[in-house]
Each structure stands twice: as C-alpha cells, then as structure tokens.
Amino acid sequence: MREADAASDAAALHAWRLQCPQVRALWYESGSVTEWEGVTFRKAGDADAGRVMHIQLVQKGLTGELPAALNSPRWRGWSSAATG
C-alpha cells in the first residue's frame, strides 16, 4: 500500500467533511474514514490498496460538485455518484 497516497485521500475526505455540513452530518470525526458510509476503498493486495475508489452519496440527498481535491486525476480508477 502506498501509505502517503492513502493518507492523502483520507485528508481530502476530512477536508470535505469540514467544508460541507451535509457531509458532517453523515460522517463522524471519530473513527476511521474506512468506516464512513458511502465511501469504498481499494482492498489489500491491490496496487492502490487503502485508496478511495468510489463515493456514493446520492441516496443520502447529497448532490452537487465534489471538491477539487476529490475530483483530481490522482483519483484514477475511482467513480463518484455524489452528483446524481
């Protein structure tokens, strides 16, 4: 696992949580981001293990654009349904 990349993904999720009240209501600050509802991470054994691969929050009523940090090319191979 590329721990720096996984840590960067976690930092981007935490930053989004701080900026968006709707996300704050879904994700508690305590605990691991890997337990946050609607976020899927790559599994152990994958080249990018520990990195975010999918965010699904439409069913929670969250719509709109993802922050730039979550929409950058470094998130290769991931998909998002946060925008509906």
C-alpha atoms as a PDB file:
ATOM      1  CA  MET A   1       0.000   0.000   0.000  1.00  0.00           C
ATOM      2  CA  ARG A   2       1.159   3.486  -0.737  1.00  0.00           C
ATOM      3  CA  GLU A   3       0.540   4.921   2.698  1.00  0.00           C
ATOM      4  CA  ALA A   4       1.201   8.514   1.623  1.00  0.00           C
ATOM      5  CA  ASP A   5      -1.456   8.245  -1.108  1.00  0.00           C
ATOM      6  CA  ALA A   6      -3.982   6.637   1.246  1.00  0.00           C
ATOM      7  CA  ALA A   7      -3.257   9.344   3.826  1.00  0.00           C
ATOM      8  CA  SER A   8      -3.766  11.997   1.155  1.00  0.00           C
ATOM      9  CA  ASP A   9      -7.164  10.506   0.283  1.00  0.00           C
ATOM     10  CA  ALA A  10      -8.134  10.459   3.964  1.00  0.00           C
ATOM     11  CA  ALA A  11      -7.035  14.096   4.332  1.00  0.00           C
ATOM     12  CA  ALA A  12      -9.175  15.099   1.326  1.00  0.00           C
ATOM     13  CA  LEU A  13     -12.201  13.342   2.835  1.00  0.00           C
ATOM     14  CA  HIS A  14     -11.645  15.057   6.199  1.00  0.00           C
ATOM     15  CA  ALA A  15     -11.321  18.450   4.471  1.00  0.00           C
ATOM     16  CA  TRP A  16     -14.563  17.866   2.565  1.00  0.00           C
ATOM     17  CA  ARG A  17     -16.275  16.884   5.814  1.00  0.00           C
ATOM     18  CA  LEU A  18     -15.196  20.168   7.423  1.00  0.00           C
ATOM     19  CA  GLN A  19     -16.446  22.234   4.462  1.00  0.00           C
ATOM     20  CA  CYS A  20     -19.837  20.597   3.955  1.00  0.00           C
ATOM     21  CA  PRO A  21     -22.491  20.460   6.699  1.00  0.00           C
ATOM     22  CA  GLN A  22     -24.359  17.664   4.881  1.00  0.00           C
ATOM     23  CA  VAL A  23     -21.231  15.506   4.870  1.00  0.00           C
ATOM     24  CA  ARG A  24     -20.508  16.357   8.510  1.00  0.00           C
ATOM     25  CA  ALA A  25     -23.944  15.005   9.389  1.00  0.00           C
ATOM     26  CA  LEU A  26     -23.115  11.695   7.662  1.00  0.00           C
ATOM     27  CA  TRP A  27     -19.525  11.165   8.757  1.00  0.00           C
ATOM     28  CA  TYR A  28     -18.401  11.380  12.365  1.00  0.00           C
ATOM     29  CA  GLU A  29     -14.968  12.783  13.042  1.00  0.00           C
ATOM     30  CA  SER A  30     -14.024   9.927  15.331  1.00  0.00           C
ATOM     31  CA  GLY A  31     -13.141   6.587  13.862  1.00  0.00           C
ATOM     32  CA  SER A  32     -11.552   5.630  10.602  1.00  0.00           C
ATOM     33  CA  VAL A  33     -12.550   7.080   7.228  1.00  0.00           C
ATOM     34  CA  THR A  34     -12.703   3.480   6.025  1.00  0.00           C
ATOM     35  CA  GLU A  35     -15.873   3.149   8.095  1.00  0.00           C
ATOM     36  CA  TRP A  36     -17.591   6.222   6.638  1.00  0.00           C
ATOM     37  CA  GLU A  37     -20.860   5.475   4.893  1.00  0.00           C
ATOM     38  CA  GLY A  38     -20.850   5.702   1.107  1.00  0.00           C
ATOM     39  CA  VAL A  39     -17.059   5.526   0.666  1.00  0.00           C
ATOM     40  CA  THR A  40     -15.430   2.416  -0.817  1.00  0.00           C
ATOM     41  CA  PHE A  41     -11.707   1.809  -0.578  1.00  0.00           C
ATOM     42  CA  ARG A  42      -9.433  -0.418  -2.624  1.00  0.00           C
ATOM     43  CA  LYS A  43      -8.751  -3.724  -0.879  1.00  0.00           C
ATOM     44  CA  ALA A  44      -5.465  -5.171   0.399  1.00  0.00           C
ATOM     45  CA  GLY A  45      -3.458  -6.741  -2.381  1.00  0.00           C
ATOM     46  CA  ASP A  46      -4.497  -4.049  -4.862  1.00  0.00           C
ATOM     47  CA  ALA A  47      -1.740  -1.793  -6.185  1.00  0.00           C
ATOM     48  CA  ASP A  48      -3.606   1.156  -4.677  1.00  0.00           C
ATOM     49  CA  ALA A  49      -4.836  -0.563  -1.505  1.00  0.00           C
ATOM     50  CA  GLY A  50      -6.323   1.836   1.006  1.00  0.00           C
ATOM     51  CA  ARG A  51      -7.184   4.483  -1.578  1.00  0.00           C
ATOM     52  CA  VAL A  52     -10.705   5.692  -2.270  1.00  0.00           C
ATOM     53  CA  MET A  53     -12.232   4.076  -5.318  1.00  0.00           C
ATOM     54  CA  HIS A  54     -15.897   5.093  -5.081  1.00  0.00           C
ATOM     55  CA  ILE A  55     -18.099   7.636  -3.326  1.00  0.00           C
ATOM     56  CA  GLN A  56     -21.872   7.063  -3.348  1.00  0.00           C
ATOM     57  CA  LEU A  57     -23.918   9.667  -1.507  1.00  0.00           C
ATOM     58  CA  VAL A  58     -26.873  10.410  -3.804  1.00  0.00           C
ATOM     59  CA  GLN A  59     -29.169   8.201  -1.739  1.00  0.00           C
ATOM     60  CA  LYS A  60     -28.406  10.484   1.213  1.00  0.00           C
ATOM     61  CA  GLY A  61     -29.640  13.543  -0.668  1.00  0.00           C
ATOM     62  CA  LEU A  62     -26.171  14.968  -1.274  1.00  0.00           C
ATOM     63  CA  THR A  63     -25.895  16.481  -4.737  1.00  0.00           C
ATOM     64  CA  GLY A  64     -23.554  18.911  -6.450  1.00  0.00           C
ATOM     65  CA  GLU A  65     -19.911  19.005  -7.370  1.00  0.00           C
ATOM     66  CA  LEU A  66     -17.192  17.233  -5.470  1.00  0.00           C
ATOM     67  CA  PRO A  67     -14.387  19.430  -4.149  1.00  0.00           C
ATOM     68  CA  ALA A  68     -11.404  19.757  -6.490  1.00  0.00           C
ATOM     69  CA  ALA A  69      -9.224  17.581  -4.234  1.00  0.00           C
ATOM     70  CA  LEU A  70     -11.683  14.734  -4.704  1.00  0.00           C
ATOM     71  CA  ASN A  71     -12.106  15.313  -8.407  1.00  0.00           C
ATOM     72  CA  SER A  72      -8.447  15.410  -9.432  1.00  0.00           C
ATOM     73  CA  PRO A  73      -6.733  12.990 -11.816  1.00  0.00           C
ATOM     74  CA  ARG A  74      -4.807  11.458  -8.914  1.00  0.00           C
ATOM     75  CA  TRP A  75      -8.042   9.659  -8.004  1.00  0.00           C
ATOM     76  CA  ARG A  76      -7.584   7.411 -11.024  1.00  0.00           C
ATOM     77  CA  GLY A  77      -9.881   4.472 -11.319  1.00  0.00           C
ATOM     78  CA  TRP A  78     -12.499   5.805  -8.945  1.00  0.00           C
ATOM     79  CA  SER A  79     -16.047   6.819  -9.602  1.00  0.00           C
ATOM     80  CA  SER A  80     -18.486   9.097  -7.864  1.00  0.00           C
ATOM     81  CA  ALA A  81     -22.227   9.172  -7.764  1.00  0.00           C
ATOM     82  CA  ALA A  82     -22.297  12.087  -5.352  1.00  0.00           C
ATOM     83  CA  THR A  83     -23.570  14.414  -8.049  1.00  0.00           C
ATOM     84  CA  GLY A  84     -26.525  12.275  -9.129  1.00  0.00           C
END
